[in-house]
């Protein structure tokens, strides 16, 4: 089942915002960000817990980079 584009964009925005919150709190390694996201009760789009490897892949995605750059410019 494919998720609608709007749902995916909303997911990316939400996770990017949480990554920015973690960064502001000094949480910067992929594993630490994964622990932060899991602690916040957030899962991947597939409903799985975050891992450092998944965070790394997410952060390297063009969509995540776009939203993180947009938040930095505000």
N, C-alpha and C. Protein backbone atom coordinates (compact mmCIF):
# COMPACT_ATOMS: atom_id res chain seq x y z
N UNK A 1 0.84 -1.18 0.00
CA UNK A 1 0.00 0.00 0.00
C UNK A 1 0.89 1.24 0.00
N UNK A 2 0.65 2.14 -0.90
CA UNK A 2 1.42 3.37 -1.02
C UNK A 2 0.77 4.49 -0.23
N UNK A 3 1.59 5.22 0.50
CA UNK A 3 1.06 6.35 1.26
C UNK A 3 0.92 7.56 0.35
N UNK A 4 -0.14 8.34 0.54
CA UNK A 4 -0.29 9.56 -0.25
C UNK A 4 0.87 10.52 0.01
N UNK A 5 1.24 11.25 -1.02
CA UNK A 5 2.37 12.18 -0.93
C UNK A 5 2.23 13.15 0.23
N UNK A 6 1.04 13.65 0.47
CA UNK A 6 0.83 14.60 1.56
C UNK A 6 1.14 13.96 2.91
N UNK A 7 0.81 12.69 3.07
CA UNK A 7 1.11 11.99 4.32
C UNK A 7 2.62 11.83 4.50
N UNK A 8 3.31 11.53 3.43
CA UNK A 8 4.76 11.37 3.49
C UNK A 8 5.42 12.70 3.82
N UNK A 9 4.97 13.76 3.18
CA UNK A 9 5.53 15.09 3.45
C UNK A 9 5.29 15.50 4.90
N UNK A 10 4.12 15.23 5.42
CA UNK A 10 3.81 15.55 6.82
C UNK A 10 4.72 14.75 7.76
N UNK A 11 4.95 13.49 7.43
CA UNK A 11 5.84 12.65 8.23
C UNK A 11 7.25 13.23 8.23
N UNK A 12 7.76 13.57 7.06
CA UNK A 12 9.12 14.11 6.96
C UNK A 12 9.23 15.42 7.74
N UNK A 13 8.23 16.29 7.61
CA UNK A 13 8.25 17.56 8.37
C UNK A 13 8.29 17.30 9.87
N UNK A 14 7.49 16.35 10.34
CA UNK A 14 7.41 16.03 11.77
C UNK A 14 8.74 15.50 12.29
N UNK A 15 9.33 14.56 11.56
CA UNK A 15 10.59 13.98 11.99
C UNK A 15 11.71 15.02 11.91
N UNK A 16 11.72 15.82 10.85
CA UNK A 16 12.74 16.88 10.73
C UNK A 16 12.64 17.86 11.89
N UNK A 17 11.44 18.20 12.30
CA UNK A 17 11.25 19.11 13.43
C UNK A 17 11.78 18.46 14.72
N UNK A 18 11.55 17.18 14.89
CA UNK A 18 12.05 16.47 16.08
C UNK A 18 13.56 16.37 16.05
N UNK A 19 14.13 16.16 14.88
CA UNK A 19 15.59 16.12 14.75
C UNK A 19 16.18 17.48 15.12
N UNK A 20 15.53 18.54 14.68
CA UNK A 20 15.98 19.90 15.02
C UNK A 20 15.89 20.10 16.54
N UNK A 21 14.82 19.64 17.17
CA UNK A 21 14.67 19.74 18.62
C UNK A 21 15.80 18.98 19.33
N UNK A 22 16.08 17.79 18.84
CA UNK A 22 17.16 16.98 19.42
C UNK A 22 18.50 17.70 19.27
N UNK A 23 18.75 18.27 18.10
CA UNK A 23 20.00 18.98 17.84
C UNK A 23 20.14 20.17 18.80
N UNK A 24 19.07 20.90 19.00
CA UNK A 24 19.08 22.04 19.91
C UNK A 24 19.42 21.60 21.34
N UNK A 25 18.98 20.40 21.70
CA UNK A 25 19.26 19.85 23.04
C UNK A 25 20.64 19.20 23.12
N UNK A 26 21.41 19.24 22.03
CA UNK A 26 22.75 18.67 22.03
C UNK A 26 22.82 17.21 21.63
N UNK A 27 21.71 16.67 21.17
CA UNK A 27 21.65 15.27 20.73
C UNK A 27 22.01 15.26 19.25
N UNK A 28 23.18 14.68 18.92
CA UNK A 28 23.63 14.81 17.54
C UNK A 28 24.04 13.53 16.85
N UNK A 29 24.40 12.48 17.58
CA UNK A 29 24.78 11.25 16.88
C UNK A 29 23.52 10.55 16.37
N UNK A 30 23.70 9.74 15.36
CA UNK A 30 22.55 9.03 14.79
C UNK A 30 21.87 8.14 15.82
N UNK A 31 22.67 7.44 16.62
CA UNK A 31 22.08 6.57 17.65
C UNK A 31 21.34 7.38 18.71
N UNK A 32 21.89 8.53 19.08
CA UNK A 32 21.23 9.38 20.09
C UNK A 32 19.94 9.99 19.54
N UNK A 33 19.95 10.36 18.27
CA UNK A 33 18.73 10.89 17.65
C UNK A 33 17.68 9.79 17.59
N UNK A 34 18.09 8.57 17.26
CA UNK A 34 17.15 7.44 17.23
C UNK A 34 16.53 7.24 18.61
N UNK A 35 17.35 7.30 19.65
CA UNK A 35 16.84 7.15 21.01
C UNK A 35 15.86 8.27 21.34
N UNK A 36 16.17 9.48 20.89
CA UNK A 36 15.28 10.64 21.12
C UNK A 36 13.93 10.42 20.42
N UNK A 37 13.97 10.01 19.17
CA UNK A 37 12.72 9.78 18.42
C UNK A 37 11.91 8.66 19.06
N UNK A 38 12.58 7.57 19.44
CA UNK A 38 11.87 6.46 20.09
C UNK A 38 11.29 6.91 21.42
N UNK A 39 12.04 7.71 22.17
CA UNK A 39 11.57 8.22 23.45
C UNK A 39 10.36 9.12 23.31
N UNK A 40 10.27 9.80 22.16
CA UNK A 40 9.13 10.68 21.89
C UNK A 40 7.93 9.89 21.37
N UNK A 41 8.10 8.57 21.25
CA UNK A 41 7.00 7.73 20.78
C UNK A 41 6.81 7.74 19.28
N UNK A 42 7.82 8.21 18.55
CA UNK A 42 7.73 8.26 17.09
C UNK A 42 8.32 7.00 16.48
N UNK A 43 7.71 6.54 15.43
CA UNK A 43 8.20 5.36 14.72
C UNK A 43 8.50 5.75 13.27
N UNK A 44 9.13 4.83 12.55
CA UNK A 44 9.34 5.04 11.13
C UNK A 44 7.99 4.96 10.41
N UNK A 45 7.98 5.26 9.14
CA UNK A 45 6.73 5.17 8.37
C UNK A 45 6.17 3.75 8.40
N UNK A 46 7.03 2.76 8.59
CA UNK A 46 6.59 1.37 8.64
C UNK A 46 6.19 0.94 10.04
N UNK A 47 6.22 1.86 10.99
CA UNK A 47 5.83 1.54 12.35
C UNK A 47 6.91 0.88 13.19
N UNK A 48 8.14 0.92 12.70
CA UNK A 48 9.24 0.29 13.42
C UNK A 48 9.97 1.34 14.27
N UNK A 49 10.70 0.87 15.29
CA UNK A 49 11.52 1.81 16.07
C UNK A 49 12.68 2.34 15.23
N UNK A 50 13.15 3.51 15.59
CA UNK A 50 14.28 4.12 14.90
C UNK A 50 15.58 3.46 15.36
N UNK A 51 16.53 3.37 14.43
CA UNK A 51 17.89 2.94 14.73
C UNK A 51 18.82 4.00 14.18
N UNK A 52 20.07 3.95 14.59
CA UNK A 52 21.04 4.91 14.07
C UNK A 52 21.15 4.84 12.55
N UNK A 53 21.12 3.64 12.00
CA UNK A 53 21.23 3.46 10.55
C UNK A 53 20.03 4.06 9.82
N UNK A 54 18.85 3.90 10.40
CA UNK A 54 17.65 4.46 9.77
C UNK A 54 17.68 5.98 9.84
N UNK A 55 18.14 6.52 10.97
CA UNK A 55 18.27 7.98 11.10
C UNK A 55 19.25 8.50 10.05
N UNK A 56 20.37 7.82 9.90
CA UNK A 56 21.37 8.24 8.90
C UNK A 56 20.76 8.27 7.50
N UNK A 57 20.01 7.23 7.17
CA UNK A 57 19.37 7.16 5.85
C UNK A 57 18.34 8.28 5.69
N UNK A 58 17.53 8.50 6.75
CA UNK A 58 16.53 9.57 6.71
C UNK A 58 17.20 10.93 6.49
N UNK A 59 18.26 11.20 7.27
CA UNK A 59 18.92 12.50 7.18
C UNK A 59 19.59 12.74 5.83
N UNK A 60 19.93 11.68 5.13
CA UNK A 60 20.57 11.84 3.82
C UNK A 60 19.55 11.98 2.70
N UNK A 61 18.27 11.82 3.02
CA UNK A 61 17.24 11.94 1.98
C UNK A 61 17.07 13.39 1.56
N UNK A 62 16.80 13.63 0.29
CA UNK A 62 16.61 15.01 -0.18
C UNK A 62 15.47 15.74 0.54
N UNK A 63 14.39 15.04 0.84
CA UNK A 63 13.26 15.68 1.53
C UNK A 63 13.66 16.15 2.91
N UNK A 64 14.35 15.31 3.67
CA UNK A 64 14.78 15.69 5.01
C UNK A 64 15.76 16.84 4.94
N UNK A 65 16.67 16.79 4.01
CA UNK A 65 17.64 17.88 3.87
C UNK A 65 16.95 19.20 3.54
N UNK A 66 15.93 19.13 2.72
CA UNK A 66 15.17 20.33 2.35
C UNK A 66 14.48 20.92 3.58
N UNK A 67 13.79 20.09 4.36
CA UNK A 67 13.07 20.60 5.53
C UNK A 67 14.03 21.09 6.61
N UNK A 68 15.14 20.40 6.80
CA UNK A 68 16.10 20.84 7.80
C UNK A 68 16.74 22.16 7.38
N UNK A 69 17.00 22.33 6.08
CA UNK A 69 17.55 23.59 5.59
C UNK A 69 16.53 24.71 5.74
N UNK A 70 15.26 24.42 5.46
CA UNK A 70 14.20 25.42 5.61
C UNK A 70 14.09 25.89 7.05
N UNK A 71 14.20 24.96 8.00
CA UNK A 71 14.08 25.31 9.42
C UNK A 71 15.28 26.14 9.86
N UNK A 72 16.47 25.88 9.30
CA UNK A 72 17.65 26.62 9.69
C UNK A 72 17.57 28.07 9.19
N UNK A 73 16.91 28.28 8.07
CA UNK A 73 16.85 29.62 7.49
C UNK A 73 15.78 30.49 8.14
N UNK A 74 14.94 29.91 8.98
CA UNK A 74 13.87 30.69 9.63
C UNK A 74 14.41 31.51 10.77
